[in-house]
Amino acid sequence: MTTTQEAGEQGAPIRGAPMPSQLADLLEMQATLGRVIREVEREPQLARWLRENDVRIMKAAEQSLSVLIEGVTLAYLIVPILDRDEGQTQEDQAD
């Protein structure tokens, strides 16, 4: 089961609290993109193609995925707290 702990650069299985499947998908995309970048950089012809087509695009995509993952993880952790607090506020108003 995928969780909120770091997946790591290799996309290794992780342990901890379960997370939404969308976040698991993002983590998988990030790991795949990282592997693609490393593979392409190892191949001379592909590395030349990358230099010609600007490797910064793929690295920026990988970084964007990281930011998105952090945001989704944060939301996943905060929303239950906000829901709980909202429920307590409604109970207080009912009293």
PDB file of N, CA and C in Angstrom:
ATOM      1  N   MET A   1       0.848  -1.185   0.000  1.00  0.00           N
ATOM      2  CA  MET A   1       0.000   0.000   0.000  1.00  0.00           C
ATOM      3  C   MET A   1       0.886   1.239   0.000  1.00  0.00           C
ATOM      4  N   THR A   2       0.575   2.230  -0.805  1.00  0.00           N
ATOM      5  CA  THR A   2       1.339   3.465  -0.871  1.00  0.00           C
ATOM      6  C   THR A   2       0.973   4.346   0.316  1.00  0.00           C
ATOM      7  N   THR A   3       1.919   5.127   0.799  1.00  0.00           N
ATOM      8  CA  THR A   3       1.671   5.950   1.973  1.00  0.00           C
ATOM      9  C   THR A   3       2.233   7.348   1.813  1.00  0.00           C
ATOM     10  N   THR A   4       2.094   8.154   2.862  1.00  0.00           N
ATOM     11  CA  THR A   4       2.519   9.541   2.815  1.00  0.00           C
ATOM     12  C   THR A   4       4.005   9.732   3.056  1.00  0.00           C
ATOM     13  N   GLN A   5       4.748   8.713   3.399  1.00  0.00           N
ATOM     14  CA  GLN A   5       6.190   8.861   3.575  1.00  0.00           C
ATOM     15  C   GLN A   5       6.871   8.976   2.227  1.00  0.00           C
ATOM     16  N   GLU A   6       8.113   9.428   2.236  1.00  0.00           N
ATOM     17  CA  GLU A   6       8.858   9.624   0.990  1.00  0.00           C
ATOM     18  C   GLU A   6       8.930   8.333   0.174  1.00  0.00           C
ATOM     19  N   ALA A   7       8.669   8.457  -1.118  1.00  0.00           N
ATOM     20  CA  ALA A   7       8.763   7.302  -2.007  1.00  0.00           C
ATOM     21  C   ALA A   7      10.197   7.072  -2.435  1.00  0.00           C
ATOM     22  N   GLY A   8      10.986   8.125  -2.414  1.00  0.00           N
ATOM     23  CA  GLY A   8      12.382   7.976  -2.802  1.00  0.00           C
ATOM     24  C   GLY A   8      12.571   8.086  -4.297  1.00  0.00           C
ATOM     25  N   GLU A   9      13.776   8.330  -4.671  1.00  0.00           N
ATOM     26  CA  GLU A   9      14.114   8.552  -6.071  1.00  0.00           C
ATOM     27  C   GLU A   9      13.848   7.320  -6.926  1.00  0.00           C
ATOM     28  N   GLN A  10      13.981   6.135  -6.358  1.00  0.00           N
ATOM     29  CA  GLN A  10      13.814   4.910  -7.139  1.00  0.00           C
ATOM     30  C   GLN A  10      12.369   4.430  -7.180  1.00  0.00           C
ATOM     31  N   GLY A  11      11.461   5.130  -6.510  1.00  0.00           N
ATOM     32  CA  GLY A  11      10.071   4.706  -6.509  1.00  0.00           C
ATOM     33  C   GLY A  11       9.856   3.448  -5.690  1.00  0.00           C
ATOM     34  N   ALA A  12      10.689   3.265  -4.663  1.00  0.00           N
ATOM     35  CA  ALA A  12      10.601   2.079  -3.820  1.00  0.00           C
ATOM     36  C   ALA A  12       9.304   2.092  -3.017  1.00  0.00           C
ATOM     37  N   PRO A  13       8.794   0.917  -2.636  1.00  0.00           N
ATOM     38  CA  PRO A  13       7.601   0.865  -1.792  1.00  0.00           C
ATOM     39  C   PRO A  13       7.846   1.612  -0.485  1.00  0.00           C
ATOM     40  N   ILE A  14       6.806   2.238   0.018  1.00  0.00           N
ATOM     41  CA  ILE A  14       6.931   3.023   1.242  1.00  0.00           C
ATOM     42  C   ILE A  14       5.887   2.581   2.258  1.00  0.00           C
ATOM     43  N   ARG A  15       6.123   2.900   3.514  1.00  0.00           N
ATOM     44  CA  ARG A  15       5.208   2.505   4.578  1.00  0.00           C
ATOM     45  C   ARG A  15       4.718   3.719   5.360  1.00  0.00           C
ATOM     46  N   GLY A  16       3.584   3.608   6.017  1.00  0.00           N
ATOM     47  CA  GLY A  16       3.028   4.685   6.823  1.00  0.00           C
ATOM     48  C   GLY A  16       1.523   4.731   6.619  1.00  0.00           C
ATOM     49  N   ALA A  17       0.938   5.911   6.850  1.00  0.00           N
ATOM     50  CA  ALA A  17      -0.504   6.067   6.702  1.00  0.00           C
ATOM     51  C   ALA A  17      -0.905   6.009   5.233  1.00  0.00           C
ATOM     52  N   PRO A  18      -1.999   5.325   4.907  1.00  0.00           N
ATOM     53  CA  PRO A  18      -2.452   5.270   3.514  1.00  0.00           C
ATOM     54  C   PRO A  18      -2.756   6.665   2.976  1.00  0.00           C
ATOM     55  N   MET A  19      -2.591   6.860   1.693  1.00  0.00           N
ATOM     56  CA  MET A  19      -2.872   8.147   1.079  1.00  0.00           C
ATOM     57  C   MET A  19      -3.794   7.956  -0.117  1.00  0.00           C
ATOM     58  N   PRO A  20      -4.346   9.051  -0.584  1.00  0.00           N
ATOM     59  CA  PRO A  20      -5.239   8.946  -1.743  1.00  0.00           C
ATOM     60  C   PRO A  20      -4.509   8.376  -2.952  1.00  0.00           C
ATOM     61  N   SER A  21      -5.256   7.690  -3.810  1.00  0.00           N
ATOM     62  CA  SER A  21      -4.641   7.076  -4.985  1.00  0.00           C
ATOM     63  C   SER A  21      -4.053   8.124  -5.930  1.00  0.00           C
ATOM     64  N   GLN A  22      -4.616   9.339  -5.943  1.00  0.00           N
ATOM     65  CA  GLN A  22      -4.068  10.386  -6.806  1.00  0.00           C
ATOM     66  C   GLN A  22      -2.640  10.713  -6.401  1.00  0.00           C
ATOM     67  N   LEU A  23      -2.370  10.768  -5.115  1.00  0.00           N
ATOM     68  CA  LEU A  23      -1.022  11.068  -4.645  1.00  0.00           C
ATOM     69  C   LEU A  23      -0.089   9.917  -4.999  1.00  0.00           C
ATOM     70  N   ALA A  24      -0.567   8.712  -4.875  1.00  0.00           N
ATOM     71  CA  ALA A  24       0.241   7.550  -5.266  1.00  0.00           C
ATOM     72  C   ALA A  24       0.584   7.624  -6.751  1.00  0.00           C
ATOM     73  N   ASP A  25      -0.384   8.044  -7.567  1.00  0.00           N
ATOM     74  CA  ASP A  25      -0.136   8.197  -9.006  1.00  0.00           C
ATOM     75  C   ASP A  25       0.917   9.263  -9.266  1.00  0.00           C
ATOM     76  N   LEU A  26       0.841  10.384  -8.532  1.00  0.00           N
ATOM     77  CA  LEU A  26       1.826  11.452  -8.705  1.00  0.00           C
ATOM     78  C   LEU A  26       3.217  10.978  -8.306  1.00  0.00           C
ATOM     79  N   LEU A  27       3.301  10.236  -7.211  1.00  0.00           N
ATOM     80  CA  LEU A  27       4.597   9.718  -6.773  1.00  0.00           C
ATOM     81  C   LEU A  27       5.178   8.767  -7.824  1.00  0.00           C
ATOM     82  N   GLU A  28       4.316   7.971  -8.412  1.00  0.00           N
ATOM     83  CA  GLU A  28       4.768   7.045  -9.450  1.00  0.00           C
ATOM     84  C   GLU A  28       5.244   7.812 -10.690  1.00  0.00           C
ATOM     85  N   MET A  29       4.511   8.853 -11.070  1.00  0.00           N
ATOM     86  CA  MET A  29       4.935   9.668 -12.215  1.00  0.00           C
ATOM     87  C   MET A  29       6.279  10.333 -11.946  1.00  0.00           C
ATOM     88  N   GLN A  30       6.458  10.834 -10.728  1.00  0.00           N
ATOM     89  CA  GLN A  30       7.715  11.488 -10.379  1.00  0.00           C
ATOM     90  C   GLN A  30       8.878  10.500 -10.438  1.00  0.00           C
ATOM     91  N   ALA A  31       8.676   9.317  -9.892  1.00  0.00           N
ATOM     92  CA  ALA A  31       9.733   8.298  -9.919  1.00  0.00           C
ATOM     93  C   ALA A  31      10.052   7.890 -11.356  1.00  0.00           C
ATOM     94  N   THR A  32       9.011   7.741 -12.169  1.00  0.00           N
ATOM     95  CA  THR A  32       9.216   7.369 -13.570  1.00  0.00           C
ATOM     96  C   THR A  32       9.966   8.459 -14.312  1.00  0.00           C
ATOM     97  N   LEU A  33       9.585   9.688 -14.107  1.00  0.00           N
ATOM     98  CA  LEU A  33      10.272  10.793 -14.772  1.00  0.00           C
ATOM     99  C   LEU A  33      11.736  10.855 -14.356  1.00  0.00           C
ATOM    100  N   GLY A  34      12.005  10.647 -13.069  1.00  0.00           N
ATOM    101  CA  GLY A  34      13.395  10.615 -12.599  1.00  0.00           C
ATOM    102  C   GLY A  34      14.192   9.508 -13.264  1.00  0.00           C
ATOM    103  N   ARG A  35      13.592   8.327 -13.395  1.00  0.00           N
ATOM    104  CA  ARG A  35      14.279   7.202 -14.063  1.00  0.00           C
ATOM    105  C   ARG A  35      14.531   7.522 -15.536  1.00  0.00           C
ATOM    106  N   VAL A  36      13.542   8.127 -16.195  1.00  0.00           N
ATOM    107  CA  VAL A  36      13.697   8.479 -17.611  1.00  0.00           C
ATOM    108  C   VAL A  36      14.850   9.476 -17.772  1.00  0.00           C
ATOM    109  N   ILE A  37      14.897  10.474 -16.933  1.00  0.00           N
ATOM    110  CA  ILE A  37      15.972  11.472 -17.018  1.00  0.00           C
ATOM    111  C   ILE A  37      17.328  10.803 -16.845  1.00  0.00           C
ATOM    112  N   ARG A  38      17.455   9.938 -15.855  1.00  0.00           N
ATOM    113  CA  ARG A  38      18.740   9.260 -15.619  1.00  0.00           C
ATOM    114  C   ARG A  38      19.124   8.355 -16.789  1.00  0.00           C
ATOM    115  N   GLU A  39      18.147   7.628 -17.336  1.00  0.00           N
ATOM    116  CA  GLU A  39      18.424   6.745 -18.483  1.00  0.00           C
ATOM    117  C   GLU A  39      18.856   7.544 -19.698  1.00  0.00           C
ATOM    118  N   VAL A  40      18.139   8.606 -19.963  1.00  0.00           N
ATOM    119  CA  VAL A  40      18.450   9.426 -21.135  1.00  0.00           C
ATOM    120  C   VAL A  40      19.842  10.035 -20.998  1.00  0.00           C
ATOM    121  N   GLU A  41      20.196  10.478 -19.798  1.00  0.00           N
ATOM    122  CA  GLU A  41      21.509  11.086 -19.578  1.00  0.00           C
ATOM    123  C   GLU A  41      22.630  10.069 -19.770  1.00  0.00           C
ATOM    124  N   ARG A  42      22.354   8.781 -19.588  1.00  0.00           N
ATOM    125  CA  ARG A  42      23.378   7.731 -19.757  1.00  0.00           C
ATOM    126  C   ARG A  42      23.644   7.391 -21.216  1.00  0.00           C
ATOM    127  N   GLU A  43      22.675   7.597 -22.073  1.00  0.00           N
ATOM    128  CA  GLU A  43      22.793   7.237 -23.487  1.00  0.00           C
ATOM    129  C   GLU A  43      23.341   8.423 -24.283  1.00  0.00           C
ATOM    130  N   PRO A  44      24.490   8.253 -24.964  1.00  0.00           N
ATOM    131  CA  PRO A  44      25.105   9.382 -25.686  1.00  0.00           C
ATOM    132  C   PRO A  44      24.171  10.072 -26.683  1.00  0.00           C
ATOM    133  N   GLN A  45      23.462   9.289 -27.492  1.00  0.00           N
ATOM    134  CA  GLN A  45      22.574   9.903 -28.489  1.00  0.00           C
ATOM    135  C   GLN A  45      21.409  10.618 -27.814  1.00  0.00           C
ATOM    136  N   LEU A  46      20.860   9.968 -26.799  1.00  0.00           N
ATOM    137  CA  LEU A  46      19.749  10.591 -26.082  1.00  0.00           C
ATOM    138  C   LEU A  46      20.223  11.804 -25.303  1.00  0.00           C
ATOM    139  N   ALA A  47      21.413  11.714 -24.735  1.00  0.00           N
ATOM    140  CA  ALA A  47      21.966  12.852 -23.995  1.00  0.00           C
ATOM    141  C   ALA A  47      22.146  14.047 -24.934  1.00  0.00           C
ATOM    142  N   ARG A  48      22.614  13.802 -26.152  1.00  0.00           N
ATOM    143  CA  ARG A  48      22.761  14.873 -27.149  1.00  0.00           C
ATOM    144  C   ARG A  48      21.391  15.457 -27.479  1.00  0.00           C
ATOM    145  N   TRP A  49      20.408  14.575 -27.690  1.00  0.00           N
ATOM    146  CA  TRP A  49      19.050  15.043 -27.965  1.00  0.00           C
ATOM    147  C   TRP A  49      18.548  15.913 -26.819  1.00  0.00           C
ATOM    148  N   LEU A  50      18.801  15.457 -25.587  1.00  0.00           N
ATOM    149  CA  LEU A  50      18.380  16.226 -24.420  1.00  0.00           C
ATOM    150  C   LEU A  50      19.022  17.601 -24.397  1.00  0.00           C
ATOM    151  N   ARG A  51      20.326  17.641 -24.665  1.00  0.00           N
ATOM    152  CA  ARG A  51      21.011  18.941 -24.673  1.00  0.00           C
ATOM    153  C   ARG A  51      20.389  19.852 -25.722  1.00  0.00           C
ATOM    154  N   GLU A  52      20.068  19.273 -26.868  1.00  0.00           N
ATOM    155  CA  GLU A  52      19.475  20.056 -27.942  1.00  0.00           C
ATOM    156  C   GLU A  52      18.049  20.504 -27.603  1.00  0.00           C
ATOM    157  N   ASN A  53      17.354  19.705 -26.839  1.00  0.00           N
ATOM    158  CA  ASN A  53      15.944  19.986 -26.535  1.00  0.00           C
ATOM    159  C   ASN A  53      15.705  20.446 -25.107  1.00  0.00           C
ATOM    160  N   ASP A  54      16.770  20.774 -24.441  1.00  0.00           N
ATOM    161  CA  ASP A  54      16.723  21.406 -23.133  1.00  0.00           C
ATOM    162  C   ASP A  54      16.196  20.487 -22.023  1.00  0.00           C
ATOM    163  N   VAL A  55      17.119  19.864 -21.349  1.00  0.00           N
ATOM    164  CA  VAL A  55      16.800  18.966 -20.239  1.00  0.00           C
ATOM    165  C   VAL A  55      16.068  19.705 -19.117  1.00  0.00           C
ATOM    166  N   ARG A  56      16.195  21.013 -19.103  1.00  0.00           N
ATOM    167  CA  ARG A  56      15.521  21.787 -18.046  1.00  0.00           C
ATOM    168  C   ARG A  56      14.012  21.573 -18.056  1.00  0.00           C
ATOM    169  N   ILE A  57      13.446  21.298 -19.221  1.00  0.00           N
ATOM    170  CA  ILE A  57      11.996  21.077 -19.301  1.00  0.00           C
ATOM    171  C   ILE A  57      11.601  19.862 -18.460  1.00  0.00           C
ATOM    172  N   MET A  58      12.305  18.746 -18.639  1.00  0.00           N
ATOM    173  CA  MET A  58      11.974  17.540 -17.880  1.00  0.00           C
ATOM    174  C   MET A  58      12.281  17.719 -16.400  1.00  0.00           C
ATOM    175  N   LYS A  59      13.389  18.372 -16.091  1.00  0.00           N
ATOM    176  CA  LYS A  59      13.732  18.578 -14.682  1.00  0.00           C
ATOM    177  C   LYS A  59      12.726  19.513 -14.021  1.00  0.00           C
ATOM    178  N   ALA A  60      12.243  20.509 -14.749  1.00  0.00           N
ATOM    179  CA  ALA A  60      11.214  21.398 -14.218  1.00  0.00           C
ATOM    180  C   ALA A  60       9.913  20.629 -13.976  1.00  0.00           C
ATOM    181  N   ALA A  61       9.599  19.716 -14.889  1.00  0.00           N
ATOM    182  CA  ALA A  61       8.406  18.886 -14.708  1.00  0.00           C
ATOM    183  C   ALA A  61       8.537  18.030 -13.456  1.00  0.00           C
ATOM    184  N   GLU A  62       9.723  17.460 -13.253  1.00  0.00           N
ATOM    185  CA  GLU A  62       9.955  16.644 -12.063  1.00  0.00           C
ATOM    186  C   GLU A  62       9.813  17.494 -10.801  1.00  0.00           C
ATOM    187  N   GLN A  63      10.362  18.703 -10.830  1.00  0.00           N
ATOM    188  CA  GLN A  63      10.255  19.592  -9.669  1.00  0.00           C
ATOM    189  C   GLN A  63       8.804  20.009  -9.442  1.00  0.00           C
ATOM    190  N   SER A  64       8.078  20.275 -10.522  1.00  0.00           N
ATOM    191  CA  SER A  64       6.670  20.633 -10.390  1.00  0.00           C
ATOM    192  C   SER A  64       5.866  19.503  -9.753  1.00  0.00           C
ATOM    193  N   LEU A  65       6.172  18.278 -10.153  1.00  0.00           N
ATOM    194  CA  LEU A  65       5.504  17.131  -9.532  1.00  0.00           C
ATOM    195  C   LEU A  65       5.813  17.080  -8.043  1.00  0.00           C
ATOM    196  N   SER A  66       7.054  17.365  -7.665  1.00  0.00           N
ATOM    197  CA  SER A  66       7.425  17.366  -6.249  1.00  0.00           C
ATOM    198  C   SER A  66       6.592  18.374  -5.465  1.00  0.00           C
ATOM    199  N   VAL A  67       6.449  19.575  -6.018  1.00  0.00           N
ATOM    200  CA  VAL A  67       5.655  20.613  -5.353  1.00  0.00           C
ATOM    201  C   VAL A  67       4.194  20.191  -5.264  1.00  0.00           C
ATOM    202  N   LEU A  68       3.675  19.623  -6.341  1.00  0.00           N
ATOM    203  CA  LEU A  68       2.298  19.155  -6.343  1.00  0.00           C
ATOM    204  C   LEU A  68       2.093  18.055  -5.302  1.00  0.00           C
ATOM    205  N   ILE A  69       3.029  17.137  -5.212  1.00  0.00           N
ATOM    206  CA  ILE A  69       2.950  16.053  -4.228  1.00  0.00           C
ATOM    207  C   ILE A  69       2.954  16.619  -2.817  1.00  0.00           C
ATOM    208  N   GLU A  70       3.821  17.586  -2.562  1.00  0.00           N
ATOM    209  CA  GLU A  70       3.850  18.203  -1.237  1.00  0.00           C
ATOM    210  C   GLU A  70       2.515  18.859  -0.908  1.00  0.00           C
ATOM    211  N   GLY A  71       1.933  19.555  -1.889  1.00  0.00           N
ATOM    212  CA  GLY A  71       0.645  20.208  -1.670  1.00  0.00           C
ATOM    213  C   GLY A  71      -0.474  19.219  -1.405  1.00  0.00           C
ATOM    214  N   VAL A  72      -0.526  18.160  -2.189  1.00  0.00           N
ATOM    215  CA  VAL A  72      -1.565  17.140  -1.998  1.00  0.00           C
ATOM    216  C   VAL A  72      -1.383  16.455  -0.645  1.00  0.00           C
ATOM    217  N   THR A  73      -0.139  16.161  -0.281  1.00  0.00           N
ATOM    218  CA  THR A  73       0.127  15.526   1.012  1.00  0.00           C
ATOM    219  C   THR A  73      -0.310  16.440   2.149  1.00  0.00           C
ATOM    220  N   LEU A  74       0.038  17.715   2.047  1.00  0.00           N
ATOM    221  CA  LEU A  74      -0.345  18.674   3.074  1.00  0.00           C
ATOM    222  C   LEU A  74      -1.857  18.761   3.187  1.00  0.00           C
ATOM    223  N   ALA A  75      -2.541  18.844   2.054  1.00  0.00           N
ATOM    224  CA  ALA A  75      -4.003  18.889   2.077  1.00  0.00           C
ATOM    225  C   ALA A  75      -4.577  17.617   2.691  1.00  0.00           C
ATOM    226  N   TYR A  76      -3.999  16.480   2.349  1.00  0.00           N
ATOM    227  CA  TYR A  76      -4.460  15.197   2.882  1.00  0.00           C
ATOM    228  C   TYR A  76      -4.338  15.164   4.406  1.00  0.00           C
ATOM    229  N   LEU A  77      -3.307  15.825   4.920  1.00  0.00           N
ATOM    230  CA  LEU A  77      -3.094  15.840   6.364  1.00  0.00           C
ATOM    231  C   LEU A  77      -3.928  16.911   7.054  1.00  0.00           C
ATOM    232  N   ILE A  78      -4.172  18.040   6.395  1.00  0.00           N
ATOM    233  CA  ILE A  78      -4.858  19.171   7.027  1.00  0.00           C
ATOM    234  C   ILE A  78      -6.373  19.051   6.972  1.00  0.00           C
ATOM    235  N   VAL A  79      -6.925  18.557   5.876  1.00  0.00           N
ATOM    236  CA  VAL A  79      -8.385  18.525   5.712  1.00  0.00           C
ATOM    237  C   VAL A  79      -9.085  17.796   6.857  1.00  0.00           C
ATOM    238  N   PRO A  80      -8.602  16.625   7.306  1.00  0.00           N
ATOM    239  CA  PRO A  80      -9.283  15.977   8.435  1.00  0.00           C
ATOM    240  C   PRO A  80      -9.257  16.843   9.700  1.00  0.00           C
ATOM    241  N   ILE A  81      -8.197  17.583   9.920  1.00  0.00           N
ATOM    242  CA  ILE A  81      -8.103  18.466  11.094  1.00  0.00           C
ATOM    243  C   ILE A  81      -9.127  19.586  10.966  1.00  0.00           C
ATOM    244  N   LEU A  82      -9.211  20.188   9.780  1.00  0.00           N
ATOM    245  CA  LEU A  82     -10.183  21.257   9.565  1.00  0.00           C
ATOM    246  C   LEU A  82     -11.609  20.732   9.711  1.00  0.00           C
ATOM    247  N   ASP A  83     -11.887  19.551   9.168  1.00  0.00           N
ATOM    248  CA  ASP A  83     -13.212  18.952   9.299  1.00  0.00           C
ATOM    249  C   ASP A  83     -13.547  18.709  10.764  1.00  0.00           C
ATOM    250  N   ARG A  84     -12.567  18.210  11.521  1.00  0.00           N
ATOM    251  CA  ARG A  84     -12.790  17.959  12.944  1.00  0.00           C
ATOM    252  C   ARG A  84     -13.081  19.264  13.678  1.00  0.00           C
ATOM    253  N   ASP A  85     -12.284  20.306  13.396  1.00  0.00           N
ATOM    254  CA  ASP A  85     -12.476  21.604  14.038  1.00  0.00           C
ATOM    255  C   ASP A  85     -13.825  22.200  13.674  1.00  0.00           C
ATOM    256  N   GLU A  86     -14.234  22.040  12.419  1.00  0.00           N
ATOM    257  CA  GLU A  86     -15.524  22.555  11.979  1.00  0.00           C
ATOM    258  C   GLU A  86     -16.654  21.824  12.702  1.00  0.00           C
ATOM    259  N   GLY A  87     -16.500  20.527  12.882  1.00  0.00           N
ATOM    260  CA  GLY A  87     -17.507  19.748  13.605  1.00  0.00           C
ATOM    261  C   GLY A  87     -17.630  20.202  15.050  1.00  0.00           C
ATOM    262  N   GLN A  88     -16.509  20.513  15.689  1.00  0.00           N
ATOM    263  CA  GLN A  88     -16.542  21.001  17.065  1.00  0.00           C
ATOM    264  C   GLN A  88     -17.201  22.366  17.143  1.00  0.00           C
ATOM    265  N   THR A  89     -16.948  23.220  16.166  1.00  0.00           N
ATOM    266  CA  THR A  89     -17.560  24.553  16.139  1.00  0.00           C
ATOM    267  C   THR A  89     -19.065  24.429  16.002  1.00  0.00           C
ATOM    268  N   GLN A  90     -19.533  23.532  15.150  1.00  0.00           N
ATOM    269  CA  GLN A  90     -20.966  23.335  14.977  1.00  0.00           C
ATOM    270  C   GLN A  90     -21.592  22.786  16.255  1.00  0.00           C
ATOM    271  N   GLU A  91     -20.890  21.894  16.957  1.00  0.00           N
ATOM    272  CA  GLU A  91     -21.393  21.363  18.223  1.00  0.00           C
ATOM    273  C   GLU A  91     -21.479  22.468  19.268  1.00  0.00           C
ATOM    274  N   ASP A  92     -20.473  23.344  19.300  1.00  0.00           N
ATOM    275  CA  ASP A  92     -20.479  24.458  20.258  1.00  0.00           C
ATOM    276  C   ASP A  92     -21.640  25.408  19.987  1.00  0.00           C
ATOM    277  N   GLN A  93     -21.929  25.648  18.702  1.00  0.00           N
ATOM    278  CA  GLN A  93     -23.029  26.536  18.354  1.00  0.00           C
ATOM    279  C   GLN A  93     -24.371  25.900  18.711  1.00  0.00           C
ATOM    280  N   ALA A  94     -24.466  24.588  18.636  1.00  0.00           N
ATOM    281  CA  ALA A  94     -25.704  23.883  18.955  1.00  0.00           C
ATOM    282  C   ALA A  94     -25.995  23.951  20.453  1.00  0.00           C
ATOM    283  N   ASP A  95     -24.906  24.020  21.249  1.00  0.00           N
ATOM    284  CA  ASP A  95     -25.094  24.088  22.716  1.00  0.00           C
ATOM    285  C   ASP A  95     -25.593  25.438  23.077  1.00  0.00           C
TER     286      ASP A  95
END
